[in-house]
Amino acid sequence: MGRPLNKRYFGEPTVDGKEIKVQFNEGTGSKSGWIVKQKASKRFLVTDGTVEGICSLVDKASGDLLEGEMSITVKDDAGVAKQVVKIAGRKVTVDTGESIAWNFDTSTTDGKVEIEEAGDDAAMTNNTDLEGDLD
């Protein structure tokens, strides 16, 4: 599986946490959620706090997700939003094929991509939403 993600990036959003935000479709349409557990390099157990599903990471916009698919969005230093096609402990591979380090920082000069953060509570209040930048 390569270097798995650190479990501190999983779970229900918290005030002090840095949980990764995902878009997923468990069969009832695309919704925002977070990772519960990593099952394989591109498969995750995800939830929105109500429903769970095991989903595969794909390169699709949130509205195009089919049942069993999920997406993660990042923004590079130039402000360009990209879809993650593979994620590991320290790097992501994005839809352009580039492998780059990631964090939750909004810096535009650190040479890393900013990953969507799930917010500060289970309602995903104050989440980082980069998907709107994919137009």
C-alpha atoms as a PDB file:
ATOM      1  CA  MET A   1       0.000   0.000   0.000  1.00  0.00           C
ATOM      2  CA  GLY A   2       2.991   2.323   0.200  1.00  0.00           C
ATOM      3  CA  ARG A   3       3.138   4.841   3.026  1.00  0.00           C
ATOM      4  CA  PRO A   4      -0.401   4.989   4.454  1.00  0.00           C
ATOM      5  CA  LEU A   5      -1.945   8.217   5.646  1.00  0.00           C
ATOM      6  CA  ASN A   6      -1.469   9.094   9.288  1.00  0.00           C
ATOM      7  CA  LYS A   7      -4.633   8.323  11.273  1.00  0.00           C
ATOM      8  CA  ARG A   8      -4.609  11.836  12.729  1.00  0.00           C
ATOM      9  CA  TYR A   9      -6.073  12.994   9.378  1.00  0.00           C
ATOM     10  CA  PHE A  10      -9.081  10.668   9.816  1.00  0.00           C
ATOM     11  CA  GLY A  11     -12.245  10.989  11.824  1.00  0.00           C
ATOM     12  CA  GLU A  12     -14.987  13.412  12.624  1.00  0.00           C
ATOM     13  CA  PRO A  13     -13.927  17.047  12.173  1.00  0.00           C
ATOM     14  CA  THR A  14     -12.703  18.749  15.348  1.00  0.00           C
ATOM     15  CA  VAL A  15     -11.794  22.296  16.324  1.00  0.00           C
ATOM     16  CA  ASP A  16      -8.094  21.481  16.667  1.00  0.00           C
ATOM     17  CA  GLY A  17      -7.954  18.766  14.016  1.00  0.00           C
ATOM     18  CA  LYS A  18      -6.818  18.601  10.438  1.00  0.00           C
ATOM     19  CA  GLU A  19      -9.162  15.978   9.057  1.00  0.00           C
ATOM     20  CA  ILE A  20      -9.187  15.492   5.278  1.00  0.00           C
ATOM     21  CA  LYS A  21     -12.426  16.488   3.542  1.00  0.00           C
ATOM     22  CA  VAL A  22     -13.693  14.155   0.805  1.00  0.00           C
ATOM     23  CA  GLN A  23     -16.601  14.096  -1.615  1.00  0.00           C
ATOM     24  CA  PHE A  24     -18.125  10.643  -1.941  1.00  0.00           C
ATOM     25  CA  ASN A  25     -21.095   8.750  -3.329  1.00  0.00           C
ATOM     26  CA  GLU A  26     -22.206   5.695  -1.351  1.00  0.00           C
ATOM     27  CA  GLY A  27     -25.260   5.232  -3.571  1.00  0.00           C
ATOM     28  CA  THR A  28     -27.477   8.219  -2.794  1.00  0.00           C
ATOM     29  CA  GLY A  29     -25.516  10.964  -4.558  1.00  0.00           C
ATOM     30  CA  SER A  30     -22.425  13.046  -3.947  1.00  0.00           C
ATOM     31  CA  LYS A  31     -21.897  14.401  -0.436  1.00  0.00           C
ATOM     32  CA  SER A  32     -19.143  15.912   1.682  1.00  0.00           C
ATOM     33  CA  GLY A  33     -17.539  13.806   4.379  1.00  0.00           C
ATOM     34  CA  TRP A  34     -14.351  12.591   5.960  1.00  0.00           C
ATOM     35  CA  ILE A  35     -12.158   9.495   6.063  1.00  0.00           C
ATOM     36  CA  VAL A  36     -12.793   6.892   8.753  1.00  0.00           C
ATOM     37  CA  LYS A  37     -10.174   4.327   7.708  1.00  0.00           C
ATOM     38  CA  GLN A  38      -7.770   3.623   4.866  1.00  0.00           C
ATOM     39  CA  LYS A  39      -8.420   0.192   3.307  1.00  0.00           C
ATOM     40  CA  ALA A  40      -5.842   0.278   0.459  1.00  0.00           C
ATOM     41  CA  SER A  41      -3.758   2.876  -1.358  1.00  0.00           C
ATOM     42  CA  LYS A  42      -6.837   4.239  -3.173  1.00  0.00           C
ATOM     43  CA  ARG A  43      -9.730   2.794  -1.125  1.00  0.00           C
ATOM     44  CA  PHE A  44     -11.166   4.340   1.998  1.00  0.00           C
ATOM     45  CA  LEU A  45     -14.033   3.925   4.435  1.00  0.00           C
ATOM     46  CA  VAL A  46     -15.703   7.348   4.442  1.00  0.00           C
ATOM     47  CA  THR A  47     -18.722   8.927   6.120  1.00  0.00           C
ATOM     48  CA  ASP A  48     -20.702  12.128   6.398  1.00  0.00           C
ATOM     49  CA  GLY A  49     -21.595  11.283  10.006  1.00  0.00           C
ATOM     50  CA  THR A  50     -24.783   9.486   8.966  1.00  0.00           C
ATOM     51  CA  VAL A  51     -23.915   6.998   6.212  1.00  0.00           C
ATOM     52  CA  GLU A  52     -20.666   5.149   5.529  1.00  0.00           C
ATOM     53  CA  GLY A  53     -19.259   3.671   2.369  1.00  0.00           C
ATOM     54  CA  ILE A  54     -16.084   2.106   1.058  1.00  0.00           C
ATOM     55  CA  CYS A  55     -15.044   4.244  -1.882  1.00  0.00           C
ATOM     56  CA  SER A  56     -12.235   4.365  -4.421  1.00  0.00           C
ATOM     57  CA  LEU A  57     -10.324   7.587  -5.031  1.00  0.00           C
ATOM     58  CA  VAL A  58     -11.000   8.828  -8.585  1.00  0.00           C
ATOM     59  CA  ASP A  59     -10.218  11.851 -10.749  1.00  0.00           C
ATOM     60  CA  LYS A  60     -13.725  13.290 -11.063  1.00  0.00           C
ATOM     61  CA  ALA A  61     -15.602  16.419 -10.076  1.00  0.00           C
ATOM     62  CA  SER A  62     -17.916  15.898  -7.102  1.00  0.00           C
ATOM     63  CA  GLY A  63     -21.078  16.022  -9.226  1.00  0.00           C
ATOM     64  CA  ASP A  64     -19.790  13.235 -11.478  1.00  0.00           C
ATOM     65  CA  LEU A  65     -19.045  10.677  -8.759  1.00  0.00           C
ATOM     66  CA  LEU A  66     -20.668   7.288  -9.216  1.00  0.00           C
ATOM     67  CA  GLU A  67     -21.595   4.896  -6.425  1.00  0.00           C
ATOM     68  CA  GLY A  68     -18.434   3.731  -4.629  1.00  0.00           C
ATOM     69  CA  GLU A  69     -16.295   6.670  -5.757  1.00  0.00           C
ATOM     70  CA  MET A  70     -14.726   9.564  -3.859  1.00  0.00           C
ATOM     71  CA  SER A  71     -12.586  12.594  -4.637  1.00  0.00           C
ATOM     72  CA  ILE A  72     -10.140  14.846  -2.801  1.00  0.00           C
ATOM     73  CA  THR A  73      -9.299  18.329  -4.061  1.00  0.00           C
ATOM     74  CA  VAL A  74      -6.085  20.323  -3.559  1.00  0.00           C
ATOM     75  CA  LYS A  75      -4.916  23.790  -4.578  1.00  0.00           C
ATOM     76  CA  ASP A  76      -1.374  24.511  -5.744  1.00  0.00           C
ATOM     77  CA  ASP A  77       0.715  27.615  -5.017  1.00  0.00           C
ATOM     78  CA  ALA A  78      -0.581  29.243  -8.221  1.00  0.00           C
ATOM     79  CA  GLY A  79      -4.140  28.926  -6.910  1.00  0.00           C
ATOM     80  CA  VAL A  80      -5.130  26.143  -9.318  1.00  0.00           C
ATOM     81  CA  ALA A  81      -7.445  23.453  -7.915  1.00  0.00           C
ATOM     82  CA  LYS A  82      -6.623  19.878  -8.907  1.00  0.00           C
ATOM     83  CA  GLN A  83      -8.023  16.420  -8.216  1.00  0.00           C
ATOM     84  CA  VAL A  84      -5.975  13.896  -6.250  1.00  0.00           C
ATOM     85  CA  VAL A  85      -5.510  10.539  -7.983  1.00  0.00           C
ATOM     86  CA  LYS A  86      -3.283   9.022  -5.275  1.00  0.00           C
ATOM     87  CA  ILE A  87      -2.500  10.107  -1.727  1.00  0.00           C
ATOM     88  CA  ALA A  88       0.228   8.941   0.629  1.00  0.00           C
ATOM     89  CA  GLY A  89       1.620  10.039   3.960  1.00  0.00           C
ATOM     90  CA  ARG A  90       3.542  12.991   2.585  1.00  0.00           C
ATOM     91  CA  LYS A  91       2.710  13.378  -1.120  1.00  0.00           C
ATOM     92  CA  VAL A  92      -0.214  13.354  -3.502  1.00  0.00           C
ATOM     93  CA  THR A  93      -0.307  12.589  -7.192  1.00  0.00           C
ATOM     94  CA  VAL A  94      -2.671  14.997  -8.923  1.00  0.00           C
ATOM     95  CA  ASP A  95      -4.628  14.772 -12.167  1.00  0.00           C
ATOM     96  CA  THR A  96      -1.738  16.300 -14.131  1.00  0.00           C
ATOM     97  CA  GLY A  97       0.547  13.401 -13.098  1.00  0.00           C
ATOM     98  CA  GLU A  98       2.650  15.583 -10.793  1.00  0.00           C
ATOM     99  CA  SER A  99       3.660  14.167  -7.399  1.00  0.00           C
ATOM    100  CA  ILE A 100       3.875  16.914  -4.789  1.00  0.00           C
ATOM    101  CA  ALA A 101       3.967  17.338  -1.011  1.00  0.00           C
ATOM    102  CA  TRP A 102       0.701  18.329   0.692  1.00  0.00           C
ATOM    103  CA  ASN A 103      -0.446  20.129   3.827  1.00  0.00           C
ATOM    104  CA  PHE A 104      -3.392  22.185   5.101  1.00  0.00           C
ATOM    105  CA  ASP A 105      -1.512  25.513   4.875  1.00  0.00           C
ATOM    106  CA  THR A 106      -2.809  28.328   2.657  1.00  0.00           C
ATOM    107  CA  SER A 107       0.733  29.482   1.804  1.00  0.00           C
ATOM    108  CA  THR A 108       1.313  30.234  -1.868  1.00  0.00           C
ATOM    109  CA  THR A 109       5.095  29.981  -1.603  1.00  0.00           C
ATOM    110  CA  ASP A 110       5.783  26.710   0.230  1.00  0.00           C
ATOM    111  CA  GLY A 111       5.955  24.462  -2.848  1.00  0.00           C
ATOM    112  CA  LYS A 112       3.151  22.240  -1.459  1.00  0.00           C
ATOM    113  CA  VAL A 113      -0.501  21.841  -2.324  1.00  0.00           C
ATOM    114  CA  GLU A 114      -3.218  22.766   0.170  1.00  0.00           C
ATOM    115  CA  ILE A 115      -5.627  19.900   0.822  1.00  0.00           C
ATOM    116  CA  GLU A 116      -9.297  20.388   1.658  1.00  0.00           C
ATOM    117  CA  GLU A 117      -9.860  20.350   5.420  1.00  0.00           C
ATOM    118  CA  ALA A 118     -13.146  19.047   6.842  1.00  0.00           C
ATOM    119  CA  GLY A 119     -13.853  21.947   9.189  1.00  0.00           C
ATOM    120  CA  ASP A 120     -14.209  22.292  12.921  1.00  0.00           C
ATOM    121  CA  ASP A 121     -17.255  20.127  13.749  1.00  0.00           C
ATOM    122  CA  ALA A 122     -19.344  17.239  12.433  1.00  0.00           C
ATOM    123  CA  ALA A 123     -21.450  19.674  10.396  1.00  0.00           C
ATOM    124  CA  MET A 124     -18.221  20.533   8.545  1.00  0.00           C
ATOM    125  CA  THR A 125     -18.572  24.190   9.506  1.00  0.00           C
ATOM    126  CA  ASN A 126     -15.683  26.342   8.253  1.00  0.00           C
ATOM    127  CA  ASN A 127     -14.381  23.581   5.990  1.00  0.00           C
ATOM    128  CA  THR A 128     -11.887  24.388   3.258  1.00  0.00           C
ATOM    129  CA  ASP A 129     -13.829  24.034   0.015  1.00  0.00           C
ATOM    130  CA  LEU A 130     -11.587  24.037  -3.030  1.00  0.00           C
ATOM    131  CA  GLU A 131     -13.996  22.222  -5.345  1.00  0.00           C
ATOM    132  CA  GLY A 132     -15.603  25.464  -6.466  1.00  0.00           C
ATOM    133  CA  ASP A 133     -12.237  26.407  -7.952  1.00  0.00           C
ATOM    134  CA  LEU A 134     -12.374  23.548 -10.468  1.00  0.00           C
ATOM    135  CA  ASP A 135     -14.556  25.409 -13.007  1.00  0.00           C
END
